[in-house]
N, C-alpha and C. Protein backbone atom coordinates (compact mmCIF):
# COMPACT_ATOMS: atom_id res chain seq x y z
N MET A 1 0.16 -1.07 0.09
CA MET A 1 -0.12 0.52 0.12
C MET A 1 0.72 1.06 0.08
N ASN A 2 0.39 2.03 -0.72
CA ASN A 2 1.13 3.69 -1.03
C ASN A 2 0.43 4.34 -0.02
N LEU A 3 1.80 5.71 0.21
CA LEU A 3 1.14 7.22 0.86
C LEU A 3 -0.71 7.39 0.38
N PRO A 4 -0.24 7.43 -1.22
CA PRO A 4 -1.95 7.77 -1.50
C PRO A 4 -3.18 7.16 -1.43
N ASP A 5 -3.11 5.74 -1.25
CA ASP A 5 -3.56 5.15 -0.39
C ASP A 5 -3.83 4.95 0.58
N VAL A 6 -3.25 5.07 1.77
CA VAL A 6 -3.34 5.11 2.96
C VAL A 6 -4.40 6.47 3.14
N ILE A 7 -3.36 7.96 2.66
CA ILE A 7 -4.52 8.81 2.61
C ILE A 7 -5.67 8.91 2.43
N ASP A 8 -6.46 7.92 1.06
CA ASP A 8 -7.60 8.22 0.23
C ASP A 8 -8.31 7.53 1.60
N HIS A 9 -7.79 6.41 2.12
CA HIS A 9 -8.05 5.31 3.31
C HIS A 9 -8.87 6.05 4.18
N CYS A 10 -8.02 6.95 4.39
CA CYS A 10 -7.55 7.84 5.90
C CYS A 10 -9.30 8.92 5.82
N LEU A 11 -9.16 9.40 4.27
CA LEU A 11 -10.32 10.25 4.03
C LEU A 11 -11.77 9.53 3.78
N ALA A 12 -11.76 8.39 3.40
CA ALA A 12 -12.84 7.71 3.65
C ALA A 12 -13.25 7.54 4.48
N GLN A 13 -13.16 7.55 5.86
CA GLN A 13 -13.37 7.46 7.33
C GLN A 13 -14.72 8.47 7.03
N LYS A 14 -15.69 8.00 8.12
CA LYS A 14 -16.71 9.15 8.43
C LYS A 14 -16.35 10.47 8.71
N ALA A 15 -16.43 11.56 8.25
CA ALA A 15 -16.23 13.07 8.94
C ALA A 15 -14.65 13.54 9.04
N ALA A 16 -13.93 12.39 7.86
CA ALA A 16 -12.08 12.34 8.86
C ALA A 16 -11.99 13.90 7.41
N GLU A 17 -11.36 14.38 8.19
CA GLU A 17 -10.81 15.80 7.20
C GLU A 17 -9.12 15.45 7.56
N GLU A 18 -8.50 16.31 7.03
CA GLU A 18 -7.09 16.16 6.60
C GLU A 18 -6.70 18.14 6.64
N THR A 19 -6.01 17.77 8.20
CA THR A 19 -5.06 19.20 8.82
C THR A 19 -3.75 18.95 8.27
N THR A 20 -3.19 20.69 9.01
CA THR A 20 -1.47 20.70 8.09
C THR A 20 -1.79 22.01 10.41
N PRO A 21 -1.76 21.37 10.56
CA PRO A 21 -1.29 21.93 12.17
C PRO A 21 0.40 22.27 12.22
N PHE A 22 0.53 21.00 11.61
CA PHE A 22 2.20 21.62 12.20
C PHE A 22 2.94 22.18 11.06
N GLY A 23 2.08 22.42 10.25
CA GLY A 23 3.05 22.99 8.56
C GLY A 23 2.39 22.30 7.76
N PRO A 24 2.90 22.82 6.26
CA PRO A 24 2.71 21.85 5.06
C PRO A 24 3.29 20.82 4.67
N ASP A 25 4.66 20.15 6.04
CA ASP A 25 5.13 19.28 5.68
C ASP A 25 4.45 18.00 6.30
N VAL A 26 3.47 18.10 7.29
CA VAL A 26 2.79 16.85 8.08
C VAL A 26 1.12 16.40 7.85
N LEU A 27 0.65 15.53 6.98
CA LEU A 27 -0.88 15.48 6.98
C LEU A 27 -0.84 14.89 8.30
N VAL A 28 -1.87 15.30 8.84
CA VAL A 28 -2.92 15.04 9.60
C VAL A 28 -4.33 14.75 9.95
N TYR A 29 -4.56 13.66 9.81
CA TYR A 29 -6.11 13.12 10.28
C TYR A 29 -6.74 13.32 11.26
N LYS A 30 -7.91 13.83 10.89
CA LYS A 30 -8.55 13.68 12.36
C LYS A 30 -10.46 13.37 12.23
N VAL A 31 -11.04 13.40 12.99
CA VAL A 31 -12.85 13.10 13.28
C VAL A 31 -12.73 13.70 13.99
N CYS A 32 -13.87 14.90 13.91
CA CYS A 32 -14.25 16.08 15.35
C CYS A 32 -12.94 16.39 15.96
N GLY A 33 -11.90 17.28 15.19
CA GLY A 33 -11.06 17.61 15.42
C GLY A 33 -10.18 16.48 16.81
N LYS A 34 -9.62 15.81 16.55
CA LYS A 34 -9.13 14.37 17.14
C LYS A 34 -8.56 13.81 16.12
N MET A 35 -6.96 13.39 16.10
CA MET A 35 -6.10 12.95 15.35
C MET A 35 -6.24 11.56 15.71
N PHE A 36 -5.90 10.84 14.37
CA PHE A 36 -6.15 9.33 14.44
C PHE A 36 -4.97 8.67 13.04
N ALA A 37 -4.47 9.85 12.88
CA ALA A 37 -3.45 9.56 11.60
C ALA A 37 -2.34 10.55 11.68
N LEU A 38 -1.29 10.80 11.24
CA LEU A 38 -0.73 11.14 11.33
C LEU A 38 0.74 10.73 10.07
N ALA A 39 0.82 11.93 8.85
CA ALA A 39 2.01 11.32 7.65
C ALA A 39 2.94 12.54 7.68
N ILE A 40 4.29 11.92 7.05
CA ILE A 40 4.57 12.88 6.42
C ILE A 40 5.58 12.70 5.09
N PRO A 41 5.02 13.36 4.22
CA PRO A 41 5.07 12.87 2.64
C PRO A 41 6.11 12.90 2.06
N ASP A 42 7.44 13.43 2.34
CA ASP A 42 8.65 13.56 2.19
C ASP A 42 8.89 12.77 2.63
N ASP A 43 8.98 11.65 4.01
CA ASP A 43 9.51 10.62 4.18
C ASP A 43 10.00 9.34 3.59
N VAL A 44 10.89 8.42 3.38
CA VAL A 44 11.10 8.00 2.26
C VAL A 44 11.64 6.63 2.35
N PRO A 45 11.23 5.02 3.18
CA PRO A 45 9.97 5.16 2.66
C PRO A 45 8.91 6.00 3.58
N PRO A 46 7.55 6.41 2.69
CA PRO A 46 6.76 6.85 3.44
C PRO A 46 6.43 5.95 5.16
N ARG A 47 6.23 6.67 5.77
CA ARG A 47 5.47 6.22 6.64
C ARG A 47 3.88 6.61 7.26
N VAL A 48 3.70 6.45 8.60
CA VAL A 48 2.17 7.11 8.83
C VAL A 48 2.08 6.51 10.40
N ASN A 49 1.50 7.08 11.34
CA ASN A 49 1.83 6.94 12.63
C ASN A 49 0.06 6.41 12.78
N LEU A 50 0.01 5.57 13.69
CA LEU A 50 -1.69 5.35 13.68
C LEU A 50 -1.56 4.67 14.95
N LYS A 51 -3.20 4.70 15.81
CA LYS A 51 -3.47 4.78 17.16
C LYS A 51 -3.56 3.75 17.41
N CYS A 52 -3.39 2.55 17.74
CA CYS A 52 -3.09 1.05 18.55
C CYS A 52 -3.44 0.76 19.82
N ASP A 53 -4.85 0.24 20.22
CA ASP A 53 -4.67 -0.30 21.48
C ASP A 53 -3.35 -0.75 21.70
N PRO A 54 -2.67 -0.79 22.78
CA PRO A 54 -1.32 -0.42 23.45
C PRO A 54 -0.42 -1.84 23.48
N GLU A 55 -1.86 -3.13 24.20
CA GLU A 55 -1.32 -5.02 24.19
C GLU A 55 -1.53 -5.58 22.22
N ARG A 56 -2.23 -4.92 21.68
CA ARG A 56 -1.51 -5.60 19.96
C ARG A 56 -0.31 -4.11 19.11
N ALA A 57 -0.81 -3.05 20.04
CA ALA A 57 0.83 -2.07 19.69
C ALA A 57 1.75 -3.13 19.76
N GLU A 58 2.22 -3.79 20.41
CA GLU A 58 3.47 -4.00 21.33
C GLU A 58 3.04 -5.66 20.08
N GLU A 59 2.21 -6.74 19.95
CA GLU A 59 1.91 -7.70 19.47
C GLU A 59 2.72 -7.37 17.76
N LEU A 60 1.77 -6.17 17.23
CA LEU A 60 2.34 -5.90 15.58
C LEU A 60 3.84 -5.61 15.77
N ARG A 61 4.24 -5.27 16.62
CA ARG A 61 5.88 -4.36 16.48
C ARG A 61 6.34 -5.88 16.45
N ASP A 62 6.16 -6.89 17.77
CA ASP A 62 7.37 -8.49 17.17
C ASP A 62 6.72 -9.13 16.15
N GLU A 63 5.79 -8.97 15.30
CA GLU A 63 5.52 -9.96 13.69
C GLU A 63 6.35 -8.71 12.97
N TYR A 64 6.01 -7.82 12.22
CA TYR A 64 6.55 -7.04 11.72
C TYR A 64 7.71 -5.72 11.55
N GLU A 65 8.41 -6.38 11.21
CA GLU A 65 9.56 -5.05 10.61
C GLU A 65 9.30 -3.15 10.57
N ALA A 66 8.21 -3.67 9.64
CA ALA A 66 7.84 -2.41 9.29
C ALA A 66 6.61 -1.55 10.54
N ILE A 67 6.21 -1.99 11.66
CA ILE A 67 5.27 -1.52 12.56
C ILE A 67 6.42 -1.72 13.37
N ILE A 68 6.68 -0.44 13.83
CA ILE A 68 7.42 0.43 15.24
C ILE A 68 7.04 1.26 16.19
N PRO A 69 6.99 1.22 17.26
CA PRO A 69 6.90 2.22 18.21
C PRO A 69 6.68 3.61 17.41
N GLY A 70 5.26 5.10 17.97
CA GLY A 70 5.25 5.72 17.25
C GLY A 70 5.87 7.09 17.35
N TYR A 71 7.03 7.43 16.10
CA TYR A 71 7.75 8.49 15.80
C TYR A 71 6.82 9.39 16.41
N HIS A 72 7.78 10.42 17.66
CA HIS A 72 7.37 11.89 18.17
C HIS A 72 5.82 11.38 19.19
N MET A 73 5.08 10.40 18.86
CA MET A 73 3.97 9.86 19.47
C MET A 73 4.72 9.60 20.96
N ASN A 74 3.25 8.85 21.93
CA ASN A 74 3.43 8.13 23.06
C ASN A 74 2.98 6.81 21.97
N LYS A 75 4.45 6.65 22.32
CA LYS A 75 4.96 4.92 22.12
C LYS A 75 3.74 3.61 22.65
N ARG A 76 3.35 4.12 23.44
CA ARG A 76 2.58 3.03 24.41
C ARG A 76 0.91 2.69 23.46
N HIS A 77 0.50 4.30 22.84
CA HIS A 77 -0.72 4.02 22.11
C HIS A 77 -0.58 4.31 20.90
N TRP A 78 0.52 4.41 20.29
CA TRP A 78 0.63 4.83 18.78
C TRP A 78 1.87 4.01 18.71
N ASN A 79 1.79 3.47 16.95
CA ASN A 79 2.77 2.86 15.81
C ASN A 79 3.26 3.53 15.22
N THR A 80 4.04 3.20 14.69
CA THR A 80 4.79 4.45 12.67
C THR A 80 4.27 2.85 12.08
N VAL A 81 3.18 3.23 11.21
CA VAL A 81 3.10 1.81 9.56
C VAL A 81 4.74 2.74 8.85
N ILE A 82 5.44 1.76 8.89
CA ILE A 82 6.85 2.25 7.43
C ILE A 82 6.07 1.70 6.15
N LEU A 83 5.28 1.99 5.16
CA LEU A 83 4.87 1.58 3.66
C LEU A 83 6.16 1.58 2.44
N ASP A 84 6.84 0.37 3.34
CA ASP A 84 7.87 -0.46 2.87
C ASP A 84 7.28 -1.44 1.44
N GLY A 85 6.57 -1.79 1.75
CA GLY A 85 5.94 -2.68 1.00
C GLY A 85 5.86 -3.92 1.22
N THR A 86 6.02 -4.19 2.70
CA THR A 86 6.60 -5.81 3.19
C THR A 86 4.89 -6.11 3.96
N LEU A 87 3.87 -5.09 4.22
CA LEU A 87 2.93 -5.56 4.91
C LEU A 87 2.08 -5.53 3.75
N PRO A 88 0.97 -6.28 4.63
CA PRO A 88 -0.66 -6.36 3.49
C PRO A 88 -1.46 -5.54 3.23
N GLU A 89 -1.78 -4.92 2.19
CA GLU A 89 -2.73 -3.80 2.35
C GLU A 89 -3.78 -4.34 3.12
N ALA A 90 -4.68 -5.27 3.18
CA ALA A 90 -5.46 -5.29 4.25
C ALA A 90 -4.97 -4.90 5.18
N LEU A 91 -3.97 -5.73 5.94
CA LEU A 91 -3.41 -5.25 7.37
C LEU A 91 -3.25 -3.74 7.46
N VAL A 92 -3.13 -3.09 7.18
CA VAL A 92 -2.16 -1.31 7.33
C VAL A 92 -4.05 -0.71 6.92
N ARG A 93 -5.09 -1.32 5.73
CA ARG A 93 -6.30 -0.53 6.40
C ARG A 93 -7.22 -1.07 7.67
N GLU A 94 -6.99 -2.38 7.58
CA GLU A 94 -7.03 -2.95 9.33
C GLU A 94 -6.63 -1.49 10.47
N LEU A 95 -5.76 -1.41 9.72
CA LEU A 95 -4.71 -0.55 11.24
C LEU A 95 -5.84 0.83 10.72
N ILE A 96 -5.96 1.34 9.55
CA ILE A 96 -6.15 2.66 9.67
C ILE A 96 -7.65 2.69 10.64
N ASP A 97 -7.92 1.21 10.30
CA ASP A 97 -9.29 1.49 10.73
C ASP A 97 -9.56 1.57 12.32
N HIS A 98 -8.46 0.67 12.86
CA HIS A 98 -9.15 0.75 14.32
C HIS A 98 -8.31 2.21 14.89
N SER A 99 -7.13 2.93 13.84
CA SER A 99 -7.29 4.25 14.63
C SER A 99 -8.20 5.13 14.67
N TYR A 100 -9.10 4.87 13.96
CA TYR A 100 -10.20 6.10 13.57
C TYR A 100 -11.51 5.43 14.37
N GLU A 101 -11.31 3.98 14.78
CA GLU A 101 -12.39 3.39 15.80
C GLU A 101 -11.88 4.15 17.36
N LEU A 102 -10.53 3.50 17.40
CA LEU A 102 -10.48 4.51 19.58
C LEU A 102 -10.11 5.34 19.40
N VAL A 103 -10.05 6.10 17.77
CA VAL A 103 -10.18 7.88 18.20
C VAL A 103 -11.93 8.48 18.72
N VAL A 104 -13.09 7.80 17.76
CA VAL A 104 -14.06 7.32 17.56
C VAL A 104 -15.16 7.29 19.55
N ARG A 105 -14.14 5.96 19.72
CA ARG A 105 -14.41 5.57 20.90
C ARG A 105 -14.22 6.99 21.94
N GLY A 106 -13.44 7.65 22.12
CA GLY A 106 -12.88 8.58 23.20
C GLY A 106 -13.87 9.48 22.98
N LEU A 107 -14.53 9.86 21.17
CA LEU A 107 -15.26 11.26 21.69
C LEU A 107 -16.21 11.12 22.65
N ARG A 108 -16.72 13.02 22.83
CA ARG A 108 -18.10 13.00 24.16
C ARG A 108 -19.30 12.17 22.70
N LYS A 109 -19.81 11.49 23.71
CA LYS A 109 -21.37 11.40 23.79
C LYS A 109 -22.21 11.37 22.17
N ALA A 110 -22.21 12.99 22.62
CA ALA A 110 -22.82 14.00 21.52
C ALA A 110 -21.88 13.96 19.81
N ASP A 111 -20.79 13.96 20.81
CA ASP A 111 -20.09 14.26 18.68
C ASP A 111 -20.20 12.33 18.10
N ARG A 112 -19.91 11.18 18.97
CA ARG A 112 -19.99 9.35 18.83
C ARG A 112 -21.89 9.96 17.51
N GLU A 113 -22.57 10.30 17.91
CA GLU A 113 -23.81 10.52 17.86
C GLU A 113 -24.25 10.63 16.59
N GLY A 114 -23.35 12.11 16.30
CA GLY A 114 -23.53 12.96 15.18
C GLY A 114 -23.19 12.01 14.18
N LEU A 115 -21.68 11.12 14.64
CA LEU A 115 -21.40 9.89 13.52
C LEU A 115 -22.20 9.11 13.36
N GLY A 116 -23.27 8.77 13.83
CA GLY A 116 -24.01 7.88 13.78
C GLY A 116 -23.95 6.61 14.15
N GLU A 117 -23.12 6.75 15.53
CA GLU A 117 -22.34 5.31 16.76
C GLU A 117 -23.72 5.44 17.63
N ARG A 118 -23.85 4.82 17.87
CA ARG A 118 -24.10 4.25 19.65
C ARG A 118 -23.65 4.70 20.35
N GLY A 119 -24.26 5.60 21.68
CA GLY A 119 -23.66 6.13 22.44
C GLY A 119 -23.80 4.96 23.49
N GLU A 120 -22.24 5.27 24.61
CA GLU A 120 -22.20 4.63 25.44
C GLU A 120 -22.00 4.37 26.94
């Protein structure tokens, strides 16, 4: 999976938006103002930071060389996914979805309901 595919998948999430709060060289993907993905397009190979359940984050890092602790992020809750072609495309898509879902779960009830999510 390449960076344009990752960007397309991030923007396909409900109410997702691309922002550049850290300047034009860093793309941040948010839902209701909360970040679920971050990419630096000029990185070679491209990389994307994604939120992840801490236990699963450790498992992924052990299983895949292209998944490392989140660069400049809380390493317990974020992974950096290196888009070097070694990861299955389905896994990268699933990790984007997982990151988005974790962020949505942490939103205020009113924001979740605005997205059509069940309030819990």
